[in-house]
Amino acid sequence: MSRPKMLFLLFCVFWLSASLAAQVKAGGYFSFEYLKSQPEGLYSRGTFSNFYGGLFVSGLIYGSLSFSVEGRLDSHQNFNLAQAYINFQGSQLIGLKMGLFEIPFGRFNSSARPHENPTVFRPLAFHFFPYRWHDLGICLQGNYAIFYYSAYIINGLSADSRGYLETGFADPNKDKGMGGRLGLRFGEGVEFGGSIYNGKYDPDGTKDVQFRGLDLLWLTPEWEVRGEYLQVVYDHPTLNQKINFEGYYLTVSMLFKNFRLYYSYQRSDLPQNVIDDYQAPPLNIFLETMVKKTRSAAGLKWDAAGNFYVKLEYDWNKEKELKLKDNILSVQVGFAF
């Protein structure tokens, strides 16, 4: 979306809020990092990088009708619109989003903002589709007893001229992408979920791309365990066969007052040996094989004052059948309001 159109849309949102006297809530988040890697890593000289931020506005329009808009700023990209949708909440069982929204695939994609993610870097497996994957469409969601569900129809992912999966504001073909998530929540602290997505990525609508995922969350006042498994299966454009890759992560955190000690283990197929967690492109449909990589991360998050926090993390990276000195020390500073 061009900058004039985006500014016009944001102006319309603020005008709508004022003219309808909506119950408006506004907030935002910002973060940046210091990264230092071993000689063969991407940050061997040490660098301040990855400024990341966002602003959001939400409010009640009338009765059960509300709106939400989120703009996102990334030091590697121009300011862009992450979400802009109208929500109708008929009951706990039925809610309807219409517009641009984050795809409810698993847990991480809907909670990937720096202050929401326990680790500094995103999980390796979430390089399969675009970072903070969002699209235009409609989404039905709600809950009944212990069941939580989301079901959506969107334009769907497409492949650019080089073969990388991408999401845009135009439908790439006549077929719509469809998917959903079903979760089971037991009490306030345990939840299991399963997610699916099916779509066509080519202009002719003949090549499938599918995602399957499982996620879990276990939360107590002192401990938090979260993990996800993700698999992608797609029709290779030239080999006349299906290709599949997979990955997973598990993060365990111990909470003590204003401190969070955490350990994360990840294993995933990746398109290259050394990967940049912020600038690396998503899956390329021309790939036939990938490099298997594991990452162990140990860190500490300190909620210093209010919504201001600091993360200190060390990542051990290991590429199968390769010996690379590419471990990373990272410090992330940020706040949310």
Protein backbone atom coordinates (compact mmCIF):
# COMPACT_ATOMS: atom_id res chain seq x y z
CA MET A 1 0.00 0.00 0.00
CA SER A 2 1.35 3.44 -0.95
CA ARG A 3 2.16 5.95 1.76
CA PRO A 4 -0.58 8.47 0.71
CA LYS A 5 -3.23 5.73 0.84
CA MET A 6 -1.99 4.58 4.23
CA LEU A 7 -2.02 8.08 5.65
CA PHE A 8 -5.53 8.60 4.26
CA LEU A 9 -6.70 5.38 5.90
CA LEU A 10 -5.22 6.37 9.25
CA PHE A 11 -6.88 9.79 8.95
CA CYS A 12 -10.23 8.07 8.33
CA VAL A 13 -9.74 5.93 11.43
CA PHE A 14 -9.07 8.91 13.68
CA TRP A 15 -11.96 10.83 12.12
CA LEU A 16 -14.25 7.86 12.70
CA SER A 17 -13.14 7.66 16.32
CA ALA A 18 -13.81 11.34 16.96
CA SER A 19 -17.05 11.63 14.99
CA LEU A 20 -18.69 8.59 16.56
CA ALA A 21 -17.36 9.37 20.03
CA ALA A 22 -16.03 5.81 20.09
CA GLN A 23 -14.50 4.38 23.21
CA VAL A 24 -11.00 4.55 21.78
CA LYS A 25 -7.90 2.82 23.11
CA ALA A 26 -4.46 3.60 21.74
CA GLY A 27 -1.08 2.05 22.41
CA GLY A 28 2.20 1.01 20.93
CA TYR A 29 5.49 -0.78 21.33
CA PHE A 30 9.13 -0.14 20.41
CA SER A 31 12.36 -2.10 20.68
CA PHE A 32 15.91 -2.29 19.35
CA GLU A 33 18.84 -4.65 19.84
CA TYR A 34 22.57 -5.03 20.16
CA LEU A 35 23.87 -8.17 18.40
CA LYS A 36 27.34 -9.73 18.55
CA SER A 37 28.15 -13.05 16.92
CA GLN A 38 31.17 -15.29 16.51
CA PRO A 39 33.42 -14.76 13.44
CA GLU A 40 31.28 -16.74 11.00
CA GLY A 41 27.98 -15.25 12.11
CA LEU A 42 26.13 -12.29 10.66
CA TYR A 43 27.07 -9.85 13.42
CA SER A 44 30.78 -10.54 13.91
CA ARG A 45 31.59 -6.83 14.36
CA GLY A 46 28.77 -6.15 16.80
CA THR A 47 25.94 -3.87 15.79
CA PHE A 48 22.95 -1.93 17.06
CA SER A 49 20.10 -3.01 14.82
CA ASN A 50 16.51 -4.10 14.35
CA PHE A 51 14.55 -1.06 15.43
CA TYR A 52 10.99 -2.29 15.55
CA GLY A 53 7.79 -0.59 16.61
CA GLY A 54 4.09 -0.26 16.15
CA LEU A 55 1.08 1.86 16.98
CA PHE A 56 -2.47 0.64 17.29
CA VAL A 57 -5.90 2.16 17.78
CA SER A 58 -9.06 0.26 18.63
CA GLY A 59 -12.50 1.36 19.68
CA LEU A 60 -16.20 0.72 19.92
CA ILE A 61 -18.24 2.06 17.01
CA TYR A 62 -21.72 1.09 18.13
CA GLY A 63 -23.17 -1.79 20.10
CA SER A 64 -21.27 -4.98 19.18
CA LEU A 65 -19.36 -3.32 16.34
CA SER A 66 -15.74 -2.25 16.90
CA PHE A 67 -12.61 -1.54 14.87
CA SER A 68 -8.87 -2.07 15.20
CA VAL A 69 -5.93 -0.62 13.26
CA GLU A 70 -2.21 -1.35 13.70
CA GLY A 71 0.69 0.27 11.87
CA ARG A 72 4.15 -1.27 12.01
CA LEU A 73 7.61 0.24 11.60
CA ASP A 74 10.64 -1.93 10.86
CA SER A 75 14.17 -0.62 10.30
CA HIS A 76 14.45 -2.99 7.32
CA GLN A 77 11.17 -1.92 5.70
CA ASN A 78 8.96 1.11 5.19
CA PHE A 79 6.09 1.84 7.55
CA ASN A 80 3.31 -0.58 6.69
CA LEU A 81 -0.20 -1.48 7.76
CA ALA A 82 -0.27 -4.68 9.82
CA GLN A 83 -3.99 -4.81 10.63
CA ALA A 84 -7.15 -2.84 9.85
CA TYR A 85 -10.43 -4.61 10.45
CA ILE A 86 -13.97 -4.25 11.74
CA ASN A 87 -15.11 -6.74 14.34
CA PHE A 88 -18.67 -7.81 15.12
CA GLN A 89 -18.95 -9.60 18.46
CA GLY A 90 -22.39 -11.18 18.57
CA SER A 91 -21.58 -13.41 21.54
CA GLN A 92 -18.72 -15.42 23.00
CA LEU A 93 -19.57 -18.13 20.50
CA ILE A 94 -19.59 -15.93 17.39
CA GLY A 95 -17.30 -13.07 16.44
CA LEU A 96 -16.55 -11.87 12.92
CA LYS A 97 -13.49 -9.97 11.67
CA MET A 98 -13.61 -8.30 8.27
CA GLY A 99 -10.60 -6.62 6.66
CA LEU A 100 -6.85 -6.98 7.13
CA PHE A 101 -5.88 -9.18 10.09
CA GLU A 102 -3.11 -11.42 11.38
CA ILE A 103 -3.66 -15.05 10.44
CA PRO A 104 -4.57 -17.12 13.54
CA PHE A 105 -2.13 -19.90 12.77
CA GLY A 106 -0.76 -21.30 16.03
CA ARG A 107 0.18 -18.93 18.84
CA PHE A 108 3.35 -17.14 17.77
CA ASN A 109 2.00 -15.43 14.65
CA SER A 110 -0.58 -13.57 16.76
CA SER A 111 1.85 -12.78 19.59
CA ALA A 112 5.11 -12.00 17.78
CA ARG A 113 5.60 -8.43 18.96
CA PRO A 114 8.90 -8.11 20.85
CA HIS A 115 7.28 -7.56 24.26
CA GLU A 116 5.00 -10.60 23.72
CA ASN A 117 7.68 -13.03 22.58
CA PRO A 118 9.79 -14.58 25.40
CA THR A 119 12.94 -14.84 23.25
CA VAL A 120 14.74 -12.14 21.27
CA PHE A 121 14.63 -13.98 17.94
CA ARG A 122 11.53 -15.51 16.37
CA PRO A 123 11.30 -19.32 16.28
CA LEU A 124 13.15 -20.84 13.33
CA ALA A 125 10.10 -22.67 11.97
CA PHE A 126 8.24 -19.40 11.49
CA HIS A 127 10.46 -18.58 8.52
CA PHE A 128 8.21 -20.81 6.41
CA PHE A 129 5.66 -18.04 5.82
CA PRO A 130 5.94 -14.22 5.91
CA TYR A 131 6.79 -12.70 9.29
CA ARG A 132 3.62 -11.71 11.16
CA TRP A 133 1.57 -13.16 8.33
CA HIS A 134 -1.53 -11.07 7.60
CA ASP A 135 -4.04 -10.95 4.75
CA LEU A 136 -7.37 -9.55 3.59
CA GLY A 137 -10.48 -11.59 4.24
CA ILE A 138 -12.99 -12.62 6.88
CA CYS A 139 -12.45 -14.58 10.06
CA LEU A 140 -15.06 -16.27 12.27
CA GLN A 141 -13.96 -16.92 15.83
CA GLY A 142 -15.31 -17.65 19.29
CA ASN A 143 -15.35 -20.09 22.15
CA TYR A 144 -17.74 -22.53 23.82
CA ALA A 145 -16.86 -24.12 27.16
CA ILE A 146 -13.28 -25.40 26.72
CA PHE A 147 -13.27 -25.01 22.91
CA TYR A 148 -11.74 -22.01 21.11
CA TYR A 149 -11.89 -21.75 17.34
CA SER A 150 -10.95 -19.56 14.38
CA ALA A 151 -11.92 -20.13 10.74
CA TYR A 152 -10.94 -17.78 7.93
CA ILE A 153 -11.13 -17.19 4.18
CA ILE A 154 -8.42 -14.93 2.74
CA ASN A 155 -6.84 -14.00 -0.59
CA GLY A 156 -4.02 -16.43 0.16
CA LEU A 157 -0.28 -16.70 -0.25
CA SER A 158 1.39 -16.36 -3.63
CA ALA A 159 4.95 -16.75 -4.95
CA ASP A 160 6.90 -13.79 -6.30
CA SER A 161 9.07 -13.90 -9.44
CA ARG A 162 11.95 -15.49 -7.51
CA GLY A 163 9.73 -18.13 -5.85
CA TYR A 164 9.40 -16.70 -2.33
CA LEU A 165 5.99 -16.95 -0.66
CA GLU A 166 4.40 -13.57 -0.05
CA THR A 167 1.13 -12.01 0.98
CA GLY A 168 -0.43 -9.02 -0.72
CA PHE A 169 -3.62 -7.02 -1.05
CA ALA A 170 -4.59 -8.68 -4.35
CA ASP A 171 -5.86 -12.21 -4.85
CA PRO A 172 -3.16 -14.21 -6.75
CA ASN A 173 -5.73 -16.53 -8.38
CA LYS A 174 -9.42 -17.48 -8.43
CA ASP A 175 -9.07 -19.78 -5.41
CA LYS A 176 -9.25 -18.42 -1.87
CA GLY A 177 -6.93 -19.51 0.92
CA MET A 178 -8.73 -21.13 3.84
CA GLY A 179 -7.72 -22.31 7.28
CA GLY A 180 -8.40 -22.26 10.96
CA ARG A 181 -7.35 -23.19 14.46
CA LEU A 182 -9.11 -25.27 17.12
CA GLY A 183 -7.93 -25.01 20.72
CA LEU A 184 -8.80 -26.76 23.96
CA ARG A 185 -8.31 -24.72 27.12
CA PHE A 186 -8.34 -26.36 30.55
CA GLY A 187 -8.76 -23.84 33.36
CA GLU A 188 -6.64 -20.71 33.06
CA GLY A 189 -3.26 -22.32 32.44
CA VAL A 190 -3.32 -25.15 29.89
CA GLU A 191 -4.18 -24.94 26.20
CA PHE A 192 -3.61 -27.24 23.22
CA GLY A 193 -4.28 -26.18 19.64
CA GLY A 194 -4.15 -27.41 16.07
CA SER A 195 -3.95 -25.19 12.96
CA ILE A 196 -4.35 -25.72 9.21
CA TYR A 197 -4.05 -23.65 6.05
CA ASN A 198 -4.76 -24.66 2.43
CA GLY A 199 -4.32 -22.49 -0.64
CA LYS A 200 -3.01 -22.17 -4.19
CA TYR A 201 0.15 -20.12 -4.71
CA ASP A 202 0.33 -19.89 -8.53
CA PRO A 203 -1.66 -17.60 -10.89
CA ASP A 204 -3.40 -20.58 -12.51
CA GLY A 205 -4.57 -21.98 -9.18
CA THR A 206 -3.12 -25.45 -9.71
CA LYS A 207 -0.28 -25.64 -7.16
CA ASP A 208 -1.10 -26.32 -3.50
CA VAL A 209 0.63 -25.00 -0.42
CA GLN A 210 -0.46 -26.37 2.94
CA PHE A 211 0.54 -25.69 6.53
CA ARG A 212 -0.15 -27.88 9.54
CA GLY A 213 0.61 -26.87 13.10
CA LEU A 214 0.30 -27.93 16.73
CA ASP A 215 0.77 -25.63 19.71
CA LEU A 216 0.71 -25.87 23.49
CA LEU A 217 0.76 -23.51 26.46
CA TRP A 218 1.12 -24.34 30.15
CA LEU A 219 1.07 -21.39 32.52
CA THR A 220 1.34 -21.11 36.31
CA PRO A 221 2.31 -18.14 38.52
CA GLU A 222 5.94 -19.35 38.49
CA TRP A 223 6.34 -21.26 35.22
CA GLU A 224 5.48 -20.96 31.56
CA VAL A 225 5.93 -23.60 28.87
CA ARG A 226 5.07 -22.92 25.25
CA GLY A 227 5.87 -24.78 22.06
CA GLU A 228 4.79 -25.26 18.45
CA TYR A 229 5.29 -27.70 15.63
CA LEU A 230 4.93 -26.54 12.02
CA GLN A 231 4.94 -28.47 8.73
CA VAL A 232 4.67 -27.14 5.19
CA VAL A 233 3.72 -29.32 2.19
CA TYR A 234 3.60 -27.87 -1.31
CA ASP A 235 3.56 -28.81 -4.97
CA HIS A 236 6.98 -28.15 -6.46
CA PRO A 237 6.53 -26.01 -9.60
CA THR A 238 8.78 -28.15 -11.85
CA LEU A 239 9.29 -31.58 -10.26
CA ASN A 240 5.68 -32.76 -10.33
CA GLN A 241 5.91 -33.93 -6.72
CA LYS A 242 5.10 -32.72 -3.22
CA ILE A 243 7.86 -31.35 -0.99
CA ASN A 244 7.57 -31.07 2.79
CA PHE A 245 9.63 -29.42 5.51
CA GLU A 246 9.09 -29.12 9.26
CA GLY A 247 10.29 -27.45 12.42
CA TYR A 248 9.43 -26.92 16.07
CA TYR A 249 10.38 -24.98 19.20
CA LEU A 250 9.91 -25.37 22.95
CA THR A 251 10.46 -22.55 25.45
CA VAL A 252 10.46 -22.96 29.24
CA SER A 253 10.39 -19.87 31.48
CA MET A 254 10.69 -19.43 35.23
CA LEU A 255 9.07 -16.28 36.60
CA PHE A 256 10.31 -14.56 39.73
CA LYS A 257 8.98 -11.09 40.56
CA ASN A 258 10.25 -8.82 37.74
CA PHE A 259 12.53 -11.44 36.21
CA ARG A 260 12.01 -14.22 33.69
CA LEU A 261 14.69 -16.87 33.18
CA TYR A 262 14.12 -18.86 30.01
CA TYR A 263 15.53 -21.64 27.88
CA SER A 264 14.43 -22.42 24.33
CA TYR A 265 15.27 -25.32 22.02
CA GLN A 266 14.45 -25.17 18.32
CA ARG A 267 14.95 -27.46 15.36
CA SER A 268 13.93 -26.64 11.81
CA ASP A 269 14.62 -27.00 8.12
CA LEU A 270 16.09 -23.76 6.79
CA PRO A 271 17.05 -22.57 3.29
CA GLN A 272 20.56 -21.45 4.26
CA ASN A 273 23.23 -22.15 6.84
CA VAL A 274 23.33 -18.79 8.56
CA ILE A 275 19.94 -17.09 8.79
CA ASP A 276 19.03 -13.49 9.58
CA ASP A 277 15.95 -13.67 11.77
CA TYR A 278 14.63 -10.31 10.61
CA GLN A 279 15.58 -9.98 6.95
CA ALA A 280 15.52 -13.61 5.80
CA PRO A 281 12.79 -14.27 3.22
CA PRO A 282 10.11 -16.94 3.76
CA LEU A 283 9.89 -20.31 2.01
CA ASN A 284 10.98 -20.54 -1.62
CA ILE A 285 8.85 -22.93 -3.64
CA PHE A 286 11.78 -23.90 -5.90
CA LEU A 287 13.64 -25.50 -3.00
CA GLU A 288 14.05 -29.28 -3.02
CA THR A 289 16.22 -29.62 0.10
CA MET A 290 17.07 -27.52 3.13
CA VAL A 291 19.70 -27.37 5.85
CA LYS A 292 18.68 -28.78 9.23
CA LYS A 293 19.50 -26.39 12.03
CA THR A 294 19.12 -26.42 15.81
CA ARG A 295 19.23 -23.47 18.16
CA SER A 296 19.43 -23.40 21.94
CA ALA A 297 18.80 -20.09 23.64
CA ALA A 298 19.23 -19.14 27.29
CA GLY A 299 18.23 -15.73 28.50
CA LEU A 300 16.92 -13.36 31.10
CA LYS A 301 14.15 -10.81 30.76
CA TRP A 302 13.97 -7.97 33.30
CA ASP A 303 10.79 -5.91 33.54
CA ALA A 304 12.62 -2.89 34.85
CA ALA A 305 9.84 -0.33 35.29
CA GLY A 306 6.26 -0.40 34.16
CA ASN A 307 6.25 -1.69 30.59
CA PHE A 308 9.98 -1.10 30.04
CA TYR A 309 12.04 -4.28 29.72
CA VAL A 310 15.51 -5.61 28.88
CA LYS A 311 16.36 -9.07 27.49
CA LEU A 312 19.81 -10.64 27.59
CA GLU A 313 20.16 -13.81 25.51
CA TYR A 314 22.81 -16.17 24.18
CA ASP A 315 22.07 -18.46 21.22
CA TRP A 316 23.95 -21.63 20.34
CA ASN A 317 23.48 -22.38 16.63
CA LYS A 318 24.31 -25.74 15.08
CA GLU A 319 24.00 -26.64 11.41
CA LYS A 320 23.96 -30.36 10.66
CA GLU A 321 27.17 -31.65 9.03
CA LEU A 322 28.74 -28.17 9.25
CA LYS A 323 31.01 -26.55 11.81
CA LEU A 324 30.26 -22.85 11.92
CA LYS A 325 31.19 -20.45 14.68
CA ASP A 326 27.98 -18.41 14.53
CA ASN A 327 26.65 -18.27 18.10
CA ILE A 328 25.06 -14.93 19.00
CA LEU A 329 24.87 -12.68 22.07
CA SER A 330 21.89 -10.33 21.95
CA VAL A 331 20.49 -7.54 24.11
CA GLN A 332 16.99 -6.25 23.43
CA VAL A 333 15.60 -3.08 24.99
CA GLY A 334 11.97 -2.13 24.56
CA PHE A 335 8.71 -0.94 26.02
CA ALA A 336 5.00 -1.12 25.41
CA PHE A 337 2.30 1.37 26.31
